[in-house]
Every structure is written in structure tokens, then in C-alpha cells.
Amino acid sequence: MSNFTNKEKAIRTTYLSIFGNLALAVAKGITGVFGNSYALIADAIESTTDVFSSILVLFGLKYATKPADENHPYGHGKAEPLLTFVVVGFLVVSATVIAYESIQHILTPHKVPEKFTLVVLGIIVIIKEIFYRFVSKKGKETKSGALQADAWHHRSDAVTSLMAFIGISIAIYMGKGYETADDWAALLGSGFIMYNAFKIFRPALGEIMDEHMYDDFISDIRATSKKVEGVIGTEKCFVRKAGLTFHVDLHLIVKGDISVREGHDIAHRLKNVLQVEFPEISDVLIHVEPAY
């Protein structure tokens, strides 16, 4: 899989998120207003923020996948986790707004939601879970943290919609005294959104800080390296993620009595093999060590 393919996959997936969230936001808002359900209106607010965050993800992916230049010799990949922080900010703001408005509605008497809102919510839960699974799969395929963050938007939306479904069901079928059940559901949903915001924030912070998080990938790099002719083994191996690609620093062990040119040739062969075997590696910096 080429980096170009990864970029195109990520961008197409983001376009799907944008239009999907926009359609669902409109459907939730209209249903919430005519169905007397603030839980649905809160859901519409979250979907609207998801539209803007998905647009940010789109611009971020396009910038993060720009090739290296004189001012950015390692490329522009670090823009992606920075963008993820902005997406997390959108989640926190939407969760705060939903929590505040939910409390206001709990304190204010209002009508019980209409029954047809349950049908709409049931459909939304299914659609959002499908979106989550699809976007999450593409995020893992392309190694995109921003895309995986976008996937969690869909999952959080599915869960808050499910909570709204439960809350409205209680309000409708339990009758008088339970009119605020859907508002409590929206309040619980805001807590789930905050939790997801932290789950998205943590790996993005690790990427910015070049945290060691790629043990399996390093094991694969070492195993592949040993198959290259002239390679005795590997010593240090550090991996840094930058957007959709990785930079690898590798210490290579070769025979101590070979010439500098032979060591140089082995290092280049190894670099070529690694970049063919792992297309997500944008560059490999190899230091040659003699075996003792």
C-alpha cells in the first residue's frame, strides 16, 4: 500500500464523514424540535460539531501529507496530531454545551417526547455504528490518528443516541414524573463524550512527544532486517510517527572486517527492503556497527 493510496483513502473517508454527519445533524435537529426531545437536539449539536471537526481533519490530512521541503525536512506529518488536539477541543466544547443545556431542561418542566423519535433514534444508532466501524478500519489501515479520532466521534454519537433512545423510552412509557428522562440521557451522553475526548487526546500527545509506542512494528523491522544479506543483527531501533508515515533510526550490525563501501552497500540494501516491505516508512536512518 503506497503512501499516496493511504492519503487518498483517508481523504475519501473524511468526505464520507462530513456529508454523513451533516445529513444526520439535520435529521436529528428536525426530529428533536418536532418531537419535543432535547436529547435529540443535543445529539444534533454534537453532529454539527462533528461536521466542523471532520472538515478540519480533511484540511489537516491534506497538509500533513505534503512532501518534505527545505523548511520541513521531516515532512509535515506532525500537523496531524496537532489537528487531533483541535478535534478534541470540539468534543470538549460540545460536551460542555450539552451538559449545561441538559441541566437547564431538567430544571424546566416540558412535554414528554413523541414516540416517533424512537424510530429515528434507532436508525441513527445503527448508521452511526456502521460509520464508526468503517472509519475506524480506514484509520487503522492508513495509520491516521486524526481519522481514528474522527471514528470515535461516530462511536460517541452512536452511544449518545442510544442513551437518548433509552431516556425517551423511559419518559414515554413510564409516564408522568419521568418527563426529564431524555434530558438525563443527554447529560450522561456528555460524560461519555468527555471520556472519548481523553481517549483521542492521549495517543496524539504520545505522537507529538515521540513516545515509544511501536513494539510490534519494531519487532517486524528487526525480523525483516535479519533476512538481508550481510546483516548480522540490529541494535538500537527507534520509530517516530509523523502523520501517515514513520521515520526509523536503526543501528545495523555487520562484520567488522569489511570495507566502508561494503557496509554502506548493505545499509542501502536494507533501507530499500524495509521501505518496500513497509511502505508506511518514509525514511530510514541507518548507523553501521561492527560485530566484535
Protein backbone atom coordinates (compact mmCIF):
# COMPACT_ATOMS: atom_id res chain seq x y z
CA MET A 1 0.00 0.00 0.00
CA SER A 2 1.58 3.27 -1.08
CA ASN A 3 1.53 6.49 0.91
CA PHE A 4 -0.42 8.06 -1.95
CA THR A 5 -3.08 5.37 -1.56
CA ASN A 6 -3.17 5.94 2.19
CA LYS A 7 -3.68 9.65 1.65
CA GLU A 8 -6.49 9.14 -0.86
CA LYS A 9 -8.22 6.57 1.35
CA ALA A 10 -8.07 8.89 4.35
CA ILE A 11 -9.39 11.87 2.40
CA ARG A 12 -12.27 9.91 0.81
CA THR A 13 -13.23 8.56 4.23
CA THR A 14 -13.22 12.08 5.68
CA TYR A 15 -15.55 13.33 2.93
CA LEU A 16 -17.92 10.50 3.84
CA SER A 17 -17.83 11.62 7.50
CA ILE A 18 -18.57 15.23 6.58
CA PHE A 19 -21.65 14.52 4.45
CA GLY A 20 -22.87 11.75 6.76
CA ASN A 21 -22.67 13.96 9.85
CA LEU A 22 -24.34 16.85 8.03
CA ALA A 23 -27.31 14.72 6.96
CA LEU A 24 -27.71 13.21 10.42
CA ALA A 25 -27.41 16.60 12.17
CA VAL A 26 -30.32 17.94 10.09
CA ALA A 27 -32.41 14.80 10.69
CA LYS A 28 -31.79 14.89 14.46
CA GLY A 29 -32.46 18.61 14.77
CA ILE A 30 -35.78 18.47 12.92
CA THR A 31 -36.90 15.35 14.80
CA GLY A 32 -35.85 16.83 18.15
CA VAL A 33 -37.74 20.09 17.61
CA PHE A 34 -40.97 18.48 16.39
CA GLY A 35 -40.66 15.53 18.77
CA ASN A 36 -40.10 17.60 21.96
CA SER A 37 -36.77 15.88 22.71
CA TYR A 38 -33.76 17.83 23.91
CA ALA A 39 -31.73 14.60 23.88
CA LEU A 40 -32.14 14.56 20.10
CA ILE A 41 -31.41 18.27 19.82
CA ALA A 42 -28.23 17.69 21.89
CA ASP A 43 -27.36 14.86 19.51
CA ALA A 44 -27.83 17.28 16.60
CA ILE A 45 -25.46 19.76 18.28
CA GLU A 46 -22.79 17.07 18.56
CA SER A 47 -23.24 16.01 14.94
CA THR A 48 -22.90 19.65 13.86
CA THR A 49 -19.59 19.97 15.73
CA ASP A 50 -18.59 16.67 14.11
CA VAL A 51 -19.11 18.27 10.69
CA PHE A 52 -16.69 21.08 11.51
CA SER A 53 -14.15 18.76 13.11
CA SER A 54 -14.29 16.45 10.06
CA ILE A 55 -13.63 19.46 7.82
CA LEU A 56 -10.59 20.24 9.99
CA VAL A 57 -9.46 16.62 9.67
CA LEU A 58 -9.76 16.92 5.89
CA PHE A 59 -7.60 20.06 5.70
CA GLY A 60 -5.18 18.58 8.23
CA LEU A 61 -4.72 15.38 6.25
CA LYS A 62 -4.05 17.31 3.07
CA TYR A 63 -1.43 19.44 4.83
CA ALA A 64 0.11 16.57 6.83
CA THR A 65 0.71 14.53 3.67
CA LYS A 66 2.56 17.29 1.84
CA PRO A 67 6.09 16.15 0.87
CA ALA A 68 9.17 17.31 2.76
CA ASP A 69 10.68 20.64 1.76
CA GLU A 70 13.65 22.81 2.72
CA ASN A 71 11.96 24.16 5.85
CA HIS A 72 10.38 20.82 6.82
CA PRO A 73 12.95 18.08 6.05
CA TYR A 74 10.91 15.51 8.01
CA GLY A 75 7.70 16.42 6.19
CA HIS A 76 4.51 17.95 7.60
CA GLY A 77 3.13 14.89 9.40
CA LYS A 78 3.18 16.40 12.89
CA ALA A 79 0.30 18.62 11.78
CA GLU A 80 -2.00 15.61 12.13
CA PRO A 81 -1.72 15.10 15.93
CA LEU A 82 -1.87 18.89 16.38
CA LEU A 83 -5.13 18.81 14.44
CA THR A 84 -6.34 15.98 16.68
CA PHE A 85 -5.98 18.33 19.65
CA VAL A 86 -8.35 20.74 17.89
CA VAL A 87 -10.82 17.90 17.28
CA VAL A 88 -10.63 17.04 20.99
CA GLY A 89 -11.37 20.70 21.75
CA PHE A 90 -14.54 20.46 19.65
CA LEU A 91 -15.59 17.38 21.62
CA VAL A 92 -15.00 19.07 24.97
CA VAL A 93 -16.94 22.20 23.93
CA SER A 94 -19.89 20.20 22.58
CA ALA A 95 -19.97 18.01 25.73
CA THR A 96 -19.96 21.13 27.93
CA VAL A 97 -22.80 22.77 25.96
CA ILE A 98 -24.86 19.58 26.03
CA ALA A 99 -24.31 19.15 29.80
CA TYR A 100 -25.31 22.77 30.53
CA GLU A 101 -28.42 22.68 28.36
CA SER A 102 -29.42 19.27 29.76
CA ILE A 103 -29.33 20.62 33.31
CA GLN A 104 -31.41 23.63 32.24
CA HIS A 105 -34.02 21.33 30.69
CA ILE A 106 -34.06 19.07 33.75
CA LEU A 107 -34.92 22.12 35.88
CA THR A 108 -37.60 23.33 33.44
CA PRO A 109 -40.96 21.46 33.07
CA HIS A 110 -41.62 20.32 29.50
CA LYS A 111 -43.63 17.86 27.41
CA VAL A 112 -42.87 14.17 27.00
CA PRO A 113 -41.07 13.40 23.69
CA GLU A 114 -43.12 11.97 20.81
CA LYS A 115 -42.98 8.24 20.09
CA PHE A 116 -41.74 8.67 16.51
CA THR A 117 -38.44 9.99 17.88
CA LEU A 118 -37.60 6.42 18.94
CA VAL A 119 -37.77 5.19 15.33
CA VAL A 120 -35.43 7.96 14.17
CA LEU A 121 -33.01 7.29 17.02
CA GLY A 122 -32.95 3.55 16.34
CA ILE A 123 -31.99 4.19 12.71
CA ILE A 124 -29.34 6.75 13.76
CA VAL A 125 -27.70 4.34 16.22
CA ILE A 126 -27.32 1.69 13.51
CA ILE A 127 -25.99 4.17 10.92
CA LYS A 128 -23.52 5.71 13.37
CA GLU A 129 -22.14 2.34 14.47
CA ILE A 130 -21.62 1.38 10.81
CA PHE A 131 -19.82 4.72 10.25
CA TYR A 132 -17.62 4.10 13.31
CA ARG A 133 -16.55 0.64 12.14
CA PHE A 134 -15.84 1.82 8.59
CA VAL A 135 -13.89 4.97 9.55
CA SER A 136 -12.00 3.14 12.32
CA LYS A 137 -10.96 0.44 9.86
CA LYS A 138 -9.69 3.04 7.38
CA GLY A 139 -7.90 4.89 10.20
CA LYS A 140 -6.01 1.73 11.15
CA GLU A 141 -5.23 0.90 7.51
CA THR A 142 -3.77 4.36 6.88
CA LYS A 143 -2.17 4.73 10.37
CA SER A 144 -4.06 8.03 10.70
CA GLY A 145 -4.61 9.25 14.26
CA ALA A 146 -6.89 12.06 13.07
CA LEU A 147 -9.05 9.60 11.16
CA GLN A 148 -9.29 7.31 14.19
CA ALA A 149 -10.27 10.35 16.26
CA ASP A 150 -12.99 11.04 13.68
CA ALA A 151 -14.13 7.43 14.04
CA TRP A 152 -14.56 7.93 17.79
CA HIS A 153 -16.84 10.87 17.01
CA HIS A 154 -19.13 8.39 15.28
CA ARG A 155 -18.95 5.91 18.18
CA SER A 156 -19.69 8.63 20.76
CA ASP A 157 -22.59 9.78 18.60
CA ALA A 158 -23.94 6.23 18.44
CA VAL A 159 -23.73 5.85 22.23
CA THR A 160 -25.34 9.24 22.99
CA SER A 161 -28.11 8.38 20.53
CA LEU A 162 -28.58 5.04 22.29
CA MET A 163 -28.75 6.84 25.65
CA ALA A 164 -31.30 9.23 24.18
CA PHE A 165 -33.31 6.22 22.94
CA ILE A 166 -33.34 4.74 26.45
CA GLY A 167 -34.18 8.09 28.06
CA ILE A 168 -37.06 8.82 25.68
CA SER A 169 -38.40 5.27 26.12
CA ILE A 170 -38.47 5.79 29.89
CA ALA A 171 -40.15 9.19 29.50
CA ILE A 172 -42.83 7.84 27.16
CA TYR A 173 -43.66 4.52 28.81
CA MET A 174 -43.19 5.44 32.48
CA GLY A 175 -45.46 8.47 32.10
CA LYS A 176 -45.92 11.40 34.48
CA GLY A 177 -42.87 12.29 36.57
CA TYR A 178 -40.39 10.90 34.05
CA GLU A 179 -40.55 13.74 31.51
CA THR A 180 -36.87 14.63 32.12
CA ALA A 181 -35.53 11.13 31.45
CA ASP A 182 -34.28 12.07 27.98
CA ASP A 183 -32.52 15.13 29.43
CA TRP A 184 -30.72 12.91 31.94
CA ALA A 185 -29.77 10.70 29.00
CA ALA A 186 -28.26 13.72 27.23
CA LEU A 187 -26.33 14.59 30.40
CA LEU A 188 -24.92 11.07 30.64
CA GLY A 189 -24.06 11.26 26.95
CA SER A 190 -21.99 14.41 27.55
CA GLY A 191 -19.92 12.49 30.11
CA PHE A 192 -19.26 9.77 27.55
CA ILE A 193 -18.15 12.39 25.03
CA MET A 194 -15.64 13.77 27.56
CA TYR A 195 -14.29 10.27 28.18
CA ASN A 196 -13.80 9.72 24.45
CA ALA A 197 -12.08 13.10 24.18
CA PHE A 198 -9.42 11.84 26.60
CA LYS A 199 -9.03 8.55 24.69
CA ILE A 200 -8.41 10.51 21.49
CA PHE A 201 -6.10 13.04 23.16
CA ARG A 202 -3.74 10.52 24.79
CA PRO A 203 -2.25 8.82 21.67
CA ALA A 204 -1.99 12.16 19.85
CA LEU A 205 0.06 13.53 22.76
CA GLY A 206 2.28 10.45 22.60
CA GLU A 207 2.88 11.06 18.90
CA ILE A 208 3.83 14.70 19.45
CA MET A 209 6.24 13.67 22.24
CA ASP A 210 7.72 10.82 20.14
CA GLU A 211 6.66 8.37 22.84
CA HIS A 212 7.74 4.73 22.45
CA MET A 213 4.53 3.02 21.28
CA TYR A 214 5.51 0.70 18.43
CA ASP A 215 6.95 -2.53 19.89
CA ASP A 216 5.29 -4.82 17.34
CA PHE A 217 6.40 -2.64 14.44
CA ILE A 218 9.99 -2.59 15.74
CA SER A 219 9.94 -6.40 16.05
CA ASP A 220 8.83 -6.68 12.42
CA ILE A 221 11.61 -4.29 11.33
CA ARG A 222 14.25 -6.34 13.17
CA ALA A 223 12.95 -9.63 11.74
CA THR A 224 12.96 -8.26 8.18
CA SER A 225 16.44 -6.76 8.63
CA LYS A 226 17.97 -10.14 9.52
CA LYS A 227 16.85 -11.55 6.16
CA VAL A 228 19.03 -9.06 4.23
CA GLU A 229 22.36 -10.43 3.04
CA GLY A 230 25.27 -9.11 5.09
CA VAL A 231 23.19 -8.20 8.12
CA ILE A 232 24.27 -9.95 11.31
CA GLY A 233 21.71 -8.26 13.53
CA THR A 234 20.31 -4.96 14.76
CA GLU A 235 20.97 -2.93 17.88
CA LYS A 236 19.04 0.26 18.62
CA CYS A 237 15.80 0.83 16.74
CA PHE A 238 13.70 3.94 17.28
CA VAL A 239 10.45 4.72 15.48
CA ARG A 240 8.74 8.12 15.23
CA LYS A 241 5.32 8.65 13.68
CA ALA A 242 4.65 11.72 11.56
CA GLY A 243 1.13 11.80 10.16
CA LEU A 244 0.55 8.74 7.96
CA THR A 245 4.24 7.78 7.83
CA PHE A 246 7.08 6.67 10.09
CA HIS A 247 10.74 7.64 10.46
CA VAL A 248 13.09 4.88 11.62
CA ASP A 249 16.52 5.19 13.27
CA LEU A 250 18.28 1.82 13.12
CA HIS A 251 21.71 0.60 14.26
CA LEU A 252 22.86 -2.19 11.95
CA ILE A 253 25.46 -4.82 12.91
CA VAL A 254 27.78 -6.15 10.16
CA LYS A 255 31.13 -7.98 10.05
CA GLY A 256 33.89 -5.85 11.49
CA ASP A 257 36.45 -6.64 8.79
CA ILE A 258 34.53 -5.49 5.71
CA SER A 259 35.23 -2.22 3.89
CA VAL A 260 33.34 1.02 4.46
CA ARG A 261 31.86 0.70 0.97
CA GLU A 262 30.57 -2.82 1.69
CA GLY A 263 28.93 -1.62 4.91
CA HIS A 264 27.45 1.30 3.02
CA ASP A 265 26.01 -1.02 0.34
CA ILE A 266 24.46 -3.32 2.97
CA ALA A 267 22.84 -0.34 4.67
CA HIS A 268 21.31 0.84 1.39
CA ARG A 269 20.04 -2.64 0.55
CA LEU A 270 18.44 -2.85 3.97
CA LYS A 271 16.81 0.57 3.60
CA ASN A 272 15.33 -0.40 0.23
CA VAL A 273 14.00 -3.70 1.60
CA LEU A 274 12.38 -2.01 4.62
CA GLN A 275 10.67 0.65 2.51
CA VAL A 276 9.31 -1.99 0.13
CA GLU A 277 8.17 -4.27 2.96
CA PHE A 278 6.72 -1.38 4.98
CA PRO A 279 5.52 1.37 2.57
CA GLU A 280 4.43 3.48 5.55
CA ILE A 281 8.13 4.09 6.35
CA SER A 282 9.07 7.38 4.72
CA ASP A 283 12.77 7.27 5.69
CA VAL A 284 15.31 5.05 7.46
CA LEU A 285 18.47 6.46 9.03
CA ILE A 286 20.95 3.60 9.42
CA HIS A 287 24.08 3.61 11.58
CA VAL A 288 26.50 0.77 10.82
CA GLU A 289 28.09 -1.01 13.80
CA PRO A 290 30.91 -3.61 13.55
CA ALA A 291 30.39 -7.01 15.17
CA TYR A 292 33.01 -7.81 17.83
